[in-house]
Amino acid sequence: MIESTPEEKLLNLIKKGQSKVRFGKDLKIFTKVNMILISLIAVITVVFLADIFIFKKDPSLEPVIVGTQQTKAPQALQMQPAAAEKIEEDSVMDHASLDKNINIKKISKEEILGNLNLLGIITGDNNQAIIEDKTLKKTFFLYKGDLFGELKVYDIRDSVVILEYKGEKIELNI
């Protein structure tokens, strides 16, 4: 064995001490970075969950648009004919009692024309109308036969969309 001098022993001791200190610093930096990443993931998770559960839109406030394609309800939602007749009878009775107690405001043709704006028409195999509802502040892309609230898209031509409202035809021009 080769004996090392006291200076070499001291130098080796200093090198070992420095490597331990550097390892400790690296571990502290690694821990801080991990804590920042974990915090960031937690914040994103909280925002995501809040968006799902707290800030959920009320579907009853959204306008109902029924397209030309019919969809079949899942089997869990389909009812027996007797149950459907009972619900229809109840809703007819509810509507009758509502009609007696509440004066329902009828929308005039002028109000409809004032609230709707035809922004454009996309022509092609199946023409599409772009209609803005000023009261809802929303834009809808509709095809011939689509329902838009109580309005039905009767026809879409080059510069005119004809809507049907309770049997009456209403024209929207660009």
Protein backbone atom coordinates (compact mmCIF):
# COMPACT_ATOMS: atom_id res chain seq x y z
CA MET A 1 0.00 0.00 0.00
CA ILE A 2 1.06 3.43 -0.76
CA GLU A 3 0.91 5.79 2.12
CA SER A 4 -0.60 9.14 1.27
CA THR A 5 0.73 12.31 2.62
CA PRO A 6 -1.23 14.40 5.07
CA GLU A 7 -1.85 16.96 2.32
CA GLU A 8 -3.38 14.30 0.03
CA LYS A 9 -5.58 13.06 2.87
CA LEU A 10 -6.79 16.61 3.49
CA LEU A 11 -7.44 17.15 -0.21
CA ASN A 12 -9.46 13.91 -0.44
CA LEU A 13 -11.49 14.94 2.61
CA ILE A 14 -12.29 18.33 1.03
CA LYS A 15 -13.37 16.67 -2.26
CA LYS A 16 -15.72 14.27 -0.43
CA GLY A 17 -17.26 17.17 1.49
CA GLN A 18 -17.82 19.18 -1.67
CA SER A 19 -19.57 16.27 -3.44
CA LYS A 20 -21.96 15.85 -0.47
CA VAL A 21 -22.77 19.58 -0.48
CA ARG A 22 -23.36 19.57 -4.26
CA PHE A 23 -25.63 16.52 -3.95
CA GLY A 24 -27.61 18.31 -1.22
CA LYS A 25 -28.03 21.41 -3.39
CA ASP A 26 -29.13 19.31 -6.37
CA LEU A 27 -31.66 17.51 -4.17
CA LYS A 28 -33.08 20.82 -2.89
CA ILE A 29 -33.47 22.16 -6.45
CA PHE A 30 -35.08 18.89 -7.58
CA THR A 31 -37.50 19.03 -4.64
CA LYS A 32 -38.45 22.66 -5.37
CA VAL A 33 -39.12 21.90 -9.05
CA ASN A 34 -41.27 18.90 -8.08
CA MET A 35 -43.25 20.99 -5.59
CA ILE A 36 -43.90 23.64 -8.27
CA LEU A 37 -45.06 20.99 -10.74
CA ILE A 38 -47.33 19.32 -8.17
CA SER A 39 -48.84 22.72 -7.29
CA LEU A 40 -49.44 23.47 -10.97
CA ILE A 41 -51.17 20.11 -11.48
CA ALA A 42 -53.34 20.73 -8.41
CA VAL A 43 -54.43 24.17 -9.68
CA ILE A 44 -55.29 22.77 -13.12
CA THR A 45 -57.29 19.95 -11.52
CA VAL A 46 -59.24 22.38 -9.32
CA VAL A 47 -60.05 24.62 -12.31
CA PHE A 48 -61.13 21.61 -14.37
CA LEU A 49 -63.40 20.28 -11.62
CA ALA A 50 -64.84 23.73 -10.97
CA ASP A 51 -65.63 24.07 -14.67
CA ILE A 52 -67.43 20.74 -14.67
CA PHE A 53 -69.41 21.05 -11.45
CA ILE A 54 -69.76 24.73 -10.55
CA PHE A 55 -69.85 26.64 -13.81
CA LYS A 56 -72.14 24.20 -15.58
CA LYS A 57 -74.54 25.89 -18.02
CA ASP A 58 -78.23 25.50 -17.40
CA PRO A 59 -79.53 23.60 -20.45
CA SER A 60 -83.00 25.10 -20.01
CA LEU A 61 -81.58 28.51 -20.95
CA GLU A 62 -80.21 27.27 -24.27
CA PRO A 63 -82.42 27.58 -27.37
CA VAL A 64 -83.73 24.32 -28.74
CA ILE A 65 -82.84 23.55 -32.34
CA VAL A 66 -84.06 20.34 -33.83
CA GLY A 67 -82.35 19.31 -37.04
CA THR A 68 -83.77 17.40 -39.95
CA GLN A 69 -82.32 14.15 -38.63
CA GLN A 70 -84.33 12.29 -36.05
CA THR A 71 -82.53 10.66 -33.17
CA LYS A 72 -83.81 7.72 -31.19
CA ALA A 73 -83.88 8.00 -27.41
CA PRO A 74 -81.82 5.46 -25.45
CA GLN A 75 -83.80 2.49 -24.18
CA ALA A 76 -83.51 3.73 -20.60
CA LEU A 77 -85.41 6.89 -21.60
CA GLN A 78 -88.12 5.19 -23.65
CA MET A 79 -91.45 4.90 -21.88
CA GLN A 80 -94.31 2.49 -22.00
CA PRO A 81 -97.28 3.76 -24.08
CA ALA A 82 -99.57 3.98 -21.03
CA ALA A 83 -97.02 6.08 -19.13
CA ALA A 84 -96.56 8.38 -22.14
CA GLU A 85 -100.34 8.88 -22.43
CA LYS A 86 -100.53 9.72 -18.70
CA ILE A 87 -97.76 12.31 -19.05
CA GLU A 88 -99.47 13.82 -22.10
CA GLU A 89 -102.77 14.07 -20.22
CA ASP A 90 -101.07 15.75 -17.26
CA SER A 91 -99.26 18.25 -19.49
CA VAL A 92 -102.50 19.08 -21.33
CA MET A 93 -104.20 19.72 -18.01
CA ASP A 94 -101.27 21.86 -16.83
CA HIS A 95 -101.32 23.91 -20.05
CA ALA A 96 -105.07 24.40 -19.79
CA SER A 97 -104.79 25.71 -16.23
CA LEU A 98 -101.90 27.96 -17.26
CA ASP A 99 -103.91 29.40 -20.15
CA LYS A 100 -106.70 30.39 -17.79
CA ASN A 101 -104.43 32.08 -15.27
CA ILE A 102 -101.74 33.64 -17.48
CA ASN A 103 -102.11 35.81 -20.56
CA ILE A 104 -99.59 34.44 -22.99
CA LYS A 105 -97.80 37.12 -24.98
CA LYS A 106 -97.99 36.46 -28.70
CA ILE A 107 -94.98 37.38 -30.78
CA SER A 108 -95.72 39.46 -33.84
CA LYS A 109 -94.11 39.12 -37.25
CA GLU A 110 -92.41 42.51 -36.78
CA GLU A 111 -90.81 41.42 -33.49
CA ILE A 112 -89.43 38.31 -35.16
CA LEU A 113 -87.99 40.31 -38.05
CA GLY A 114 -86.51 42.82 -35.59
CA ASN A 115 -84.78 40.15 -33.50
CA LEU A 116 -83.36 38.08 -36.36
CA ASN A 117 -80.65 39.03 -38.82
CA LEU A 118 -79.71 36.95 -41.86
CA LEU A 119 -75.92 37.10 -41.97
CA GLY A 120 -75.37 34.90 -44.98
CA ILE A 121 -76.24 31.85 -47.01
CA ILE A 122 -73.90 28.99 -47.80
CA THR A 123 -74.91 27.47 -51.12
CA GLY A 124 -74.18 23.96 -52.26
CA ASP A 125 -75.94 20.62 -52.35
CA ASN A 126 -77.78 21.50 -49.16
CA ASN A 127 -78.06 25.27 -48.66
CA GLN A 128 -77.38 26.58 -45.16
CA ALA A 129 -78.55 29.87 -43.61
CA ILE A 130 -76.53 31.81 -41.04
CA ILE A 131 -79.02 33.60 -38.78
CA GLU A 132 -78.18 35.81 -35.81
CA ASP A 133 -80.64 36.09 -32.91
CA LYS A 134 -80.06 39.55 -31.45
CA THR A 135 -81.90 38.82 -28.19
CA LEU A 136 -79.88 35.66 -27.46
CA LYS A 137 -76.75 37.19 -29.01
CA LYS A 138 -76.04 33.89 -30.80
CA THR A 139 -75.52 32.81 -34.38
CA PHE A 140 -77.13 29.68 -35.78
CA PHE A 141 -76.32 27.64 -38.88
CA LEU A 142 -79.60 26.17 -40.13
CA TYR A 143 -80.70 23.89 -42.97
CA LYS A 144 -84.06 23.65 -44.71
CA GLY A 145 -86.53 21.95 -42.35
CA ASP A 146 -84.67 22.84 -39.14
CA LEU A 147 -86.67 24.20 -36.21
CA PHE A 148 -85.49 27.45 -34.64
CA GLY A 149 -87.57 27.97 -31.50
CA GLU A 150 -91.13 28.26 -32.88
CA LEU A 151 -89.84 29.03 -36.36
CA LYS A 152 -89.21 26.47 -39.07
CA VAL A 153 -86.81 27.04 -41.96
CA TYR A 154 -89.21 26.64 -44.89
CA ASP A 155 -86.80 27.39 -47.74
CA ILE A 156 -83.30 28.76 -48.37
CA ARG A 157 -82.64 30.58 -51.63
CA ASP A 158 -79.71 32.62 -52.97
CA SER A 159 -80.41 35.81 -50.99
CA VAL A 160 -83.59 35.00 -49.04
CA VAL A 161 -84.52 32.64 -46.23
CA ILE A 162 -88.20 31.87 -45.79
CA LEU A 163 -89.26 31.00 -42.24
CA GLU A 164 -92.60 29.57 -41.23
CA TYR A 165 -94.23 30.78 -38.01
CA LYS A 166 -97.64 29.31 -37.15
CA GLY A 167 -98.49 28.77 -40.81
CA GLU A 168 -97.34 32.26 -41.83
CA LYS A 169 -94.32 32.75 -44.08
CA ILE A 170 -91.67 35.29 -43.07
CA GLU A 171 -88.84 36.35 -45.38
CA LEU A 172 -85.36 37.31 -44.13
CA ASN A 173 -83.19 39.12 -46.68
CA ILE A 174 -79.46 39.66 -46.61
